[in-house]
Amino acid sequence: MTALAFDPLLGWAPVWAALAVAALAGAVAYWAGLRGWAFRALGAAALALALAGPAVERSTAHALDDIVIVLDDRTASQSLPGREAQTDAAIAALEDQIAALPGTALRRVTLDDAPEGSLLGRAITNAVRAEPDSRLAGVIAVTDGLAADPAAIPADLPAPLHVLLTGAPGEWDRRLIIDEAPAFGLIGQEVTIALRIEDSGAVPDHIAGRPVALQIALDGAPPREVIAVPGARYEVPLTLEQPGANVLMLSVEAGEGELTTLNNTAALSINAVRDRLRVLLVSGEPNPGARSWRNLLKSDPGVDLIHFTILRPMEKADGVPVEEMSLIPFPTHDLFIERIEDFDLIVFDRYRVRGILLPEYFAAIRRYVENGGAVLVSAGPEISTVES
């Protein structure tokens, strides 16, 4: 296409001013009866026309292809028996049909699992935003229809949205959904787990709305059973007795003919902590580091500290009675047998094995660690001796 265009370098104001001056000069020459006034006026008009920057434009236009977005859902629910083959066949048929259309290009987008679930709405939104609205001809989603964010699907798409559903008529599934679960809780205090059981799809009439058994087991203990109705929200109270990670296993009974039982179970880990941190510090001998330990632990008001320092080894015989060497006796039996489970941390600072702690105390410490307790050994040169 050829066209005449104007692009004045100095803008249109000087052009119009030059035209006005040319018209005025021609009118004055005509009124004065001067010969050649017409040629002068034409010359001034040609100068003004040159200021307008005339140009001849020749352009060639090519039509751009329309764009069809094909969303390929490859989330976990699409891996059920038969669905993957259906998806592959549908995608292959769409590619062949779109390739046969003149002036049409295919954009394939794959949807994978996300921590929040199948984010179908977000995938469609991102794919549409990546293409010009004027070229978008349509969006085709090959999916099972399970979306964690249906509200995110745009209501004002610039092109039609088509959905090809995989699966078969009459399919249904039951799943256990955890709505709320605390990350931690206080030992001996109650925490609450919010959950619900959801039946989706073509639920058989003899199963729909029927109560089901929910099994709840904490840290490998025998499970307790709760009767729940699908669709209702339940709050399950639990009391954490064991410090550290507490593993909670939940499972709901399977229904007849459901697609899969993998989503009928759920596992949670809840960290049980004490309201205050109880620390036992045992210093094997007076040393400058003992004060650093005390300053560190006493600086936190949430720490309850019990500190014992061994002032004199048992093999040292200087005739001084034991009751004169300490303010109170070292209550080893009470600390390491009776009340060892009350502590969250036991610190041995420069401690030597010199017969003060009997073998049964070390056996109690081993059981304490196996049950979730913590032991920290701060050692010096004695770590390389037989007293380590």
Protein backbone atom coordinates (compact mmCIF):
# COMPACT_ATOMS: atom_id res chain seq x y z
CA MET A 1 0.00 0.00 0.00
CA THR A 2 1.30 3.45 -1.03
CA ALA A 3 0.31 6.65 0.79
CA LEU A 4 1.47 10.25 1.19
CA ALA A 5 2.36 11.19 4.76
CA PHE A 6 3.62 14.36 6.45
CA ASP A 7 6.05 14.50 9.35
CA PRO A 8 7.19 18.11 10.02
CA LEU A 9 10.55 18.27 11.76
CA LEU A 10 9.69 21.49 13.65
CA GLY A 11 6.03 20.72 14.22
CA TRP A 12 2.97 22.07 12.45
CA ALA A 13 3.11 25.59 13.87
CA PRO A 14 5.98 26.83 11.59
CA VAL A 15 4.28 25.22 8.58
CA TRP A 16 1.02 27.07 9.16
CA ALA A 17 2.96 30.28 9.80
CA ALA A 18 4.86 29.92 6.49
CA LEU A 19 1.58 29.28 4.64
CA ALA A 20 0.07 32.40 6.21
CA VAL A 21 3.09 34.51 5.19
CA ALA A 22 2.94 33.11 1.63
CA ALA A 23 -0.78 33.92 1.33
CA LEU A 24 -0.24 37.41 2.73
CA ALA A 25 2.69 38.11 0.35
CA GLY A 26 0.65 36.92 -2.66
CA ALA A 27 -2.30 39.10 -1.65
CA VAL A 28 -0.08 42.20 -1.26
CA ALA A 29 1.63 41.58 -4.64
CA TYR A 30 -1.74 41.14 -6.34
CA TRP A 31 -3.12 44.34 -4.74
CA ALA A 32 -0.02 46.29 -5.79
CA GLY A 33 -0.33 45.01 -9.35
CA LEU A 34 3.11 43.46 -9.40
CA ARG A 35 3.89 41.08 -12.19
CA GLY A 36 4.64 37.46 -11.25
CA TRP A 37 2.71 37.59 -7.98
CA ALA A 38 1.29 34.13 -8.67
CA PHE A 39 4.74 32.59 -9.08
CA ARG A 40 5.91 34.23 -5.83
CA ALA A 41 2.88 32.83 -3.99
CA LEU A 42 3.48 29.34 -5.40
CA GLY A 43 7.17 29.49 -4.41
CA ALA A 44 6.28 30.47 -0.83
CA ALA A 45 3.66 27.69 -0.71
CA ALA A 46 6.25 25.16 -1.96
CA LEU A 47 8.62 26.25 0.82
CA ALA A 48 5.89 25.79 3.41
CA LEU A 49 5.07 22.37 1.94
CA ALA A 50 8.75 21.38 2.26
CA LEU A 51 8.64 22.33 5.95
CA ALA A 52 5.74 19.84 6.38
CA GLY A 53 8.11 16.94 5.59
CA PRO A 54 6.15 15.14 2.89
CA ALA A 55 7.01 11.46 2.35
CA VAL A 56 5.69 8.61 0.28
CA GLU A 57 5.09 5.47 2.38
CA ARG A 58 4.95 2.01 0.89
CA SER A 59 3.92 -0.75 3.35
CA THR A 60 3.29 -4.46 3.13
CA ALA A 61 0.93 -6.08 5.70
CA HIS A 62 1.01 -9.76 6.69
CA ALA A 63 -1.73 -11.40 8.73
CA LEU A 64 -0.63 -12.91 12.08
CA ASP A 65 -1.76 -16.35 13.15
CA ASP A 66 -4.52 -16.80 15.66
CA ILE A 67 -3.41 -18.47 18.92
CA VAL A 68 -5.08 -21.43 20.61
CA ILE A 69 -3.89 -22.30 24.15
CA VAL A 70 -4.09 -25.99 25.10
CA LEU A 71 -3.73 -26.62 28.84
CA ASP A 72 -2.34 -30.10 29.58
CA ASP A 73 -3.24 -31.15 33.16
CA ARG A 74 -0.56 -33.52 34.52
CA THR A 75 -1.34 -33.31 38.22
CA ALA A 76 -1.47 -36.33 40.52
CA SER A 77 -5.18 -36.95 40.01
CA GLN A 78 -4.54 -37.31 36.28
CA SER A 79 -2.31 -40.32 36.95
CA LEU A 80 -5.26 -42.51 37.92
CA PRO A 81 -5.78 -45.59 35.73
CA GLY A 82 -6.95 -44.66 32.23
CA ARG A 83 -6.75 -40.89 32.59
CA GLU A 84 -3.20 -40.47 31.33
CA ALA A 85 -4.02 -42.36 28.13
CA GLN A 86 -7.18 -40.26 27.65
CA THR A 87 -5.17 -37.07 28.09
CA ASP A 88 -2.49 -38.16 25.60
CA ALA A 89 -5.12 -39.07 23.01
CA ALA A 90 -7.01 -35.79 23.46
CA ILE A 91 -3.84 -33.68 23.22
CA ALA A 92 -2.71 -35.52 20.08
CA ALA A 93 -6.11 -35.05 18.41
CA LEU A 94 -6.15 -31.34 19.26
CA GLU A 95 -2.64 -30.84 17.88
CA ASP A 96 -3.60 -32.51 14.59
CA GLN A 97 -6.83 -30.52 14.22
CA ILE A 98 -5.23 -27.17 15.08
CA ALA A 99 -2.30 -27.86 12.72
CA ALA A 100 -4.82 -28.40 9.90
CA LEU A 101 -6.40 -24.97 10.45
CA PRO A 102 -4.86 -22.21 8.30
CA GLY A 103 -3.48 -19.22 10.17
CA THR A 104 -3.71 -20.88 13.60
CA ALA A 105 -0.85 -21.47 16.06
CA LEU A 106 -0.85 -23.78 19.10
CA ARG A 107 0.49 -22.85 22.54
CA ARG A 108 0.74 -25.86 24.88
CA VAL A 109 0.90 -25.27 28.64
CA THR A 110 1.54 -28.11 31.12
CA LEU A 111 0.02 -27.95 34.61
CA ASP A 112 1.98 -29.77 37.34
CA ASP A 113 1.26 -30.25 41.02
CA ALA A 114 1.83 -27.38 43.44
CA PRO A 115 1.95 -27.45 47.26
CA GLU A 116 -1.50 -25.82 47.29
CA GLY A 117 -2.97 -28.41 44.91
CA SER A 118 -4.04 -28.22 41.25
CA LEU A 119 -3.80 -24.49 40.46
CA LEU A 120 -5.82 -24.65 37.24
CA GLY A 121 -7.10 -21.06 37.49
CA ARG A 122 -3.64 -19.56 37.91
CA ALA A 123 -2.28 -21.58 34.98
CA ILE A 124 -5.05 -20.31 32.67
CA THR A 125 -4.54 -16.72 33.83
CA ASN A 126 -0.78 -16.80 33.26
CA ALA A 127 -1.14 -18.43 29.82
CA VAL A 128 -3.70 -15.86 28.65
CA ARG A 129 -1.63 -12.92 29.91
CA ALA A 130 1.36 -14.12 27.88
CA GLU A 131 -0.52 -13.71 24.57
CA PRO A 132 -2.05 -10.62 22.85
CA ASP A 133 -5.81 -10.42 23.36
CA SER A 134 -6.37 -9.60 19.68
CA ARG A 135 -4.76 -12.85 18.55
CA LEU A 136 -6.24 -15.23 21.14
CA ALA A 137 -8.79 -17.52 19.49
CA GLY A 138 -9.56 -19.86 22.38
CA VAL A 139 -8.41 -21.81 25.43
CA ILE A 140 -8.85 -25.59 25.69
CA ALA A 141 -8.18 -27.32 29.03
CA VAL A 142 -7.74 -31.09 29.10
CA THR A 143 -8.26 -31.87 32.78
CA ASP A 144 -10.24 -33.92 35.26
CA GLY A 145 -11.84 -30.72 36.56
CA LEU A 146 -10.26 -30.87 40.01
CA ALA A 147 -8.98 -27.34 40.75
CA ALA A 148 -7.77 -25.87 44.02
CA ASP A 149 -8.39 -22.31 42.80
CA PRO A 150 -11.57 -22.23 40.68
CA ALA A 151 -12.17 -18.61 41.68
CA ALA A 152 -8.90 -17.63 39.96
CA ILE A 153 -10.26 -18.50 36.50
CA PRO A 154 -10.84 -15.09 34.81
CA ALA A 155 -14.48 -14.27 34.16
CA ASP A 156 -13.60 -11.83 31.33
CA LEU A 157 -11.45 -13.98 29.08
CA PRO A 158 -10.93 -12.42 25.63
CA ALA A 159 -11.66 -15.81 24.03
CA PRO A 160 -13.85 -18.85 24.73
CA LEU A 161 -12.74 -21.42 27.31
CA HIS A 162 -13.45 -25.09 26.57
CA VAL A 163 -12.90 -27.98 29.00
CA LEU A 164 -12.35 -31.60 27.98
CA LEU A 165 -12.95 -33.78 31.04
CA THR A 166 -11.04 -37.01 31.51
CA GLY A 167 -12.40 -39.96 33.43
CA ALA A 168 -15.61 -41.91 33.08
CA PRO A 169 -19.25 -41.39 34.12
CA GLY A 170 -20.11 -42.65 37.59
CA GLU A 171 -16.68 -42.08 39.14
CA TRP A 172 -16.47 -40.79 42.71
CA ASP A 173 -13.80 -40.33 45.34
CA ARG A 174 -13.44 -39.71 49.06
CA ARG A 175 -10.64 -37.68 50.57
CA LEU A 176 -9.55 -36.48 53.98
CA ILE A 177 -8.87 -32.73 54.14
CA ILE A 178 -6.96 -31.04 56.98
CA ASP A 179 -8.28 -27.48 57.28
CA GLU A 180 -6.27 -26.33 60.29
CA ALA A 181 -3.37 -27.90 62.18
CA PRO A 182 -0.96 -26.23 64.60
CA ALA A 183 2.75 -26.46 63.96
CA PHE A 184 3.53 -26.77 67.67
CA GLY A 185 1.80 -27.10 71.03
CA LEU A 186 2.63 -27.05 74.72
CA ILE A 187 3.25 -30.33 76.49
CA GLY A 188 0.27 -31.38 78.55
CA GLN A 189 -2.05 -28.85 76.95
CA GLU A 190 -4.75 -29.50 74.39
CA VAL A 191 -4.43 -28.65 70.71
CA THR A 192 -7.17 -28.86 68.08
CA ILE A 193 -7.06 -30.28 64.55
CA ALA A 194 -9.81 -29.11 62.16
CA LEU A 195 -10.66 -31.57 59.38
CA ARG A 196 -13.42 -32.70 57.06
CA ILE A 197 -14.22 -35.63 54.82
CA GLU A 198 -15.27 -34.81 51.27
CA ASP A 199 -17.11 -37.13 48.88
CA SER A 200 -17.03 -35.83 45.31
CA GLY A 201 -18.31 -37.12 41.99
CA ALA A 202 -21.18 -39.52 41.40
CA VAL A 203 -21.45 -40.83 44.96
CA PRO A 204 -23.70 -43.95 45.12
CA ASP A 205 -27.03 -43.41 46.85
CA HIS A 206 -26.35 -46.03 49.50
CA ILE A 207 -23.09 -44.25 50.46
CA ALA A 208 -24.02 -40.56 50.15
CA GLY A 209 -24.38 -38.94 53.58
CA ARG A 210 -23.59 -42.14 55.46
CA PRO A 211 -21.35 -41.77 58.58
CA VAL A 212 -17.85 -43.22 58.26
CA ALA A 213 -15.18 -44.29 60.73
CA LEU A 214 -12.19 -41.98 61.24
CA GLN A 215 -9.07 -43.51 62.82
CA ILE A 216 -6.73 -41.23 64.80
CA ALA A 217 -3.35 -42.46 66.09
CA LEU A 218 -0.73 -40.36 67.88
CA ASP A 219 2.91 -41.48 67.97
CA GLY A 220 2.19 -45.10 67.20
CA ALA A 221 -0.33 -45.51 70.01
CA PRO A 222 -3.43 -47.66 69.40
CA PRO A 223 -5.79 -45.60 67.20
CA ARG A 224 -9.05 -44.24 68.50
CA GLU A 225 -12.11 -44.19 66.30
CA VAL A 226 -14.41 -41.25 65.63
CA ILE A 227 -17.65 -41.42 63.65
CA ALA A 228 -17.84 -38.58 61.13
CA VAL A 229 -20.29 -37.52 58.43
CA PRO A 230 -18.83 -36.48 55.05
CA GLY A 231 -19.15 -32.79 54.36
CA ALA A 232 -19.14 -31.69 58.00
CA ARG A 233 -16.25 -29.95 59.73
CA TYR A 234 -14.84 -31.62 62.82
CA GLU A 235 -12.45 -30.36 65.48
CA VAL A 236 -10.37 -33.15 67.04
CA PRO A 237 -8.77 -32.32 70.43
CA LEU A 238 -5.34 -33.81 71.21
CA THR A 239 -3.04 -33.63 74.22
CA LEU A 240 0.69 -33.80 73.47
CA GLU A 241 2.62 -35.67 76.13
CA GLN A 242 5.92 -36.35 74.36
CA PRO A 243 8.45 -33.52 73.83
CA GLY A 244 9.66 -33.01 70.30
CA ALA A 245 7.93 -34.12 67.11
CA ASN A 246 4.59 -35.89 67.61
CA VAL A 247 3.38 -37.74 64.51
CA LEU A 248 -0.37 -37.87 64.02
CA MET A 249 -1.86 -40.39 61.59
CA LEU A 250 -5.46 -39.99 60.38
CA SER A 251 -7.32 -42.34 58.08
CA VAL A 252 -10.91 -42.68 56.95
CA GLU A 253 -12.50 -45.91 55.82
CA ALA A 254 -12.62 -46.50 52.08
CA GLY A 255 -15.89 -46.40 50.21
CA GLU A 256 -17.11 -48.96 47.74
CA GLY A 257 -15.88 -48.25 44.21
CA GLU A 258 -14.01 -45.01 44.93
CA LEU A 259 -11.22 -44.01 42.57
CA THR A 260 -8.30 -44.23 44.99
CA THR A 261 -7.65 -44.64 48.70
CA LEU A 262 -4.37 -42.71 48.68
CA ASN A 263 -6.12 -39.52 49.78
CA ASN A 264 -8.03 -41.27 52.57
CA THR A 265 -5.07 -40.84 54.92
CA ALA A 266 -3.09 -37.88 56.22
CA ALA A 267 -0.03 -37.49 58.43
CA LEU A 268 0.86 -34.48 60.57
CA SER A 269 3.89 -33.62 62.66
CA ILE A 270 3.26 -31.35 65.65
CA ASN A 271 6.24 -30.17 67.68
CA ALA A 272 5.58 -30.36 71.42
CA VAL A 273 7.45 -27.80 73.52
CA ARG A 274 7.44 -26.91 77.17
CA ASP A 275 6.15 -23.64 78.49
CA ARG A 276 9.59 -23.11 80.02
CA LEU A 277 12.95 -24.66 79.17
CA ARG A 278 14.34 -26.70 82.08
CA VAL A 279 18.12 -27.11 81.97
CA LEU A 280 20.42 -29.17 84.21
CA LEU A 281 24.03 -27.94 84.10
CA VAL A 282 26.70 -30.19 85.65
CA SER A 283 30.22 -28.73 85.81
CA GLY A 284 32.85 -31.38 86.41
CA GLU A 285 35.26 -28.85 87.94
CA PRO A 286 35.42 -25.12 88.62
CA ASN A 287 36.40 -23.36 85.38
CA PRO A 288 35.90 -19.92 83.76
CA GLY A 289 33.44 -21.38 81.28
CA ALA A 290 30.96 -22.19 84.03
CA ARG A 291 30.18 -18.50 84.51
CA SER A 292 29.65 -18.12 80.75
CA TRP A 293 27.17 -20.99 80.83
CA ARG A 294 25.30 -19.43 83.75
CA ASN A 295 25.22 -15.98 82.14
CA LEU A 296 23.95 -17.44 78.86
CA LEU A 297 21.21 -19.55 80.41
CA LYS A 298 20.10 -17.08 83.08
CA SER A 299 19.79 -14.26 80.54
CA ASP A 300 16.61 -15.87 79.19
CA PRO A 301 13.67 -15.55 81.61
CA GLY A 302 12.09 -18.59 79.96
CA VAL A 303 14.89 -20.89 81.20
CA ASP A 304 14.80 -22.68 84.56
CA LEU A 305 18.39 -23.59 85.45
CA ILE A 306 19.73 -26.07 87.99
CA HIS A 307 23.52 -25.94 88.26
CA PHE A 308 25.85 -28.21 90.18
CA THR A 309 29.64 -27.92 90.25
CA ILE A 310 31.86 -30.76 91.45
CA LEU A 311 34.41 -28.97 93.64
CA ARG A 312 36.53 -31.92 94.67
CA PRO A 313 37.05 -35.29 93.00
CA MET A 314 36.36 -38.38 95.06
CA GLU A 315 39.94 -39.62 94.85
CA LYS A 316 41.28 -36.51 96.57
CA ALA A 317 41.71 -37.33 100.29
CA ASP A 318 42.49 -34.19 102.25
CA GLY A 319 40.56 -35.06 105.38
CA VAL A 320 37.90 -32.39 104.85
CA PRO A 321 34.38 -33.78 105.52
CA VAL A 322 32.07 -33.85 102.51
CA GLU A 323 29.36 -31.85 104.29
CA GLU A 324 31.84 -28.97 104.61
CA MET A 325 32.65 -28.95 100.90
CA SER A 326 29.14 -28.24 99.58
CA LEU A 327 26.11 -26.25 100.57
CA ILE A 328 23.81 -29.16 99.71
CA PRO A 329 24.58 -32.77 98.77
CA PHE A 330 24.67 -33.60 95.06
CA PRO A 331 21.24 -35.27 94.59
CA THR A 332 22.37 -37.63 91.83
CA HIS A 333 19.64 -40.21 92.36
CA ASP A 334 16.85 -37.63 92.29
CA LEU A 335 18.21 -35.81 89.26
CA PHE A 336 19.20 -38.75 87.07
CA ILE A 337 16.63 -41.33 88.10
CA GLU A 338 13.54 -39.74 89.61
CA ARG A 339 13.32 -36.38 87.80
CA ILE A 340 15.43 -36.72 84.68
CA GLU A 341 12.35 -36.54 82.43
CA ASP A 342 11.57 -33.08 83.83
CA PHE A 343 14.53 -31.56 82.01
CA ASP A 344 14.62 -30.49 78.37
CA LEU A 345 18.42 -30.25 78.25
CA ILE A 346 21.32 -31.70 80.27
CA VAL A 347 24.70 -30.00 79.86
CA PHE A 348 27.93 -31.68 80.98
CA ASP A 349 30.61 -29.00 81.26
CA ARG A 350 34.20 -30.28 81.62
CA TYR A 351 32.89 -33.47 83.21
CA ARG A 352 35.19 -36.43 83.88
CA VAL A 353 34.11 -40.00 84.53
CA ARG A 354 35.37 -40.43 88.07
CA GLY A 355 32.75 -42.58 89.73
CA ILE A 356 30.39 -39.79 90.75
CA LEU A 357 27.69 -40.92 88.31
CA LEU A 358 27.06 -44.66 88.52
CA PRO A 359 26.44 -46.84 85.44
CA GLU A 360 22.70 -46.93 86.10
CA TYR A 361 22.65 -43.12 85.85
CA PHE A 362 24.22 -43.27 82.39
CA ALA A 363 21.63 -45.90 81.42
CA ALA A 364 18.92 -43.48 82.56
CA ILE A 365 20.52 -40.72 80.46
CA ARG A 366 20.51 -43.03 77.42
CA ARG A 367 16.77 -43.73 77.90
CA TYR A 368 16.19 -40.00 78.36
CA VAL A 369 17.78 -39.27 74.95
CA GLU A 370 15.91 -42.09 73.25
CA ASN A 371 12.65 -40.58 74.53
CA GLY A 372 13.41 -37.17 73.03
CA GLY A 373 15.66 -35.53 75.60
CA ALA A 374 18.76 -33.51 74.68
CA VAL A 375 22.31 -33.84 76.04
CA LEU A 376 25.16 -31.40 75.33
CA VAL A 377 28.75 -32.20 76.23
CA SER A 378 31.14 -29.24 76.51
CA ALA A 379 34.58 -30.77 76.89
CA GLY A 380 38.21 -29.72 77.01
CA PRO A 381 41.43 -31.76 77.16
CA GLU A 382 39.71 -34.43 79.22
CA ILE A 383 37.83 -35.60 76.12
CA SER A 384 41.05 -37.37 74.94
CA THR A 385 41.65 -39.25 78.20
CA VAL A 386 40.25 -42.45 79.63
CA GLU A 387 38.00 -40.28 81.81
CA SER A 388 36.07 -39.05 78.75
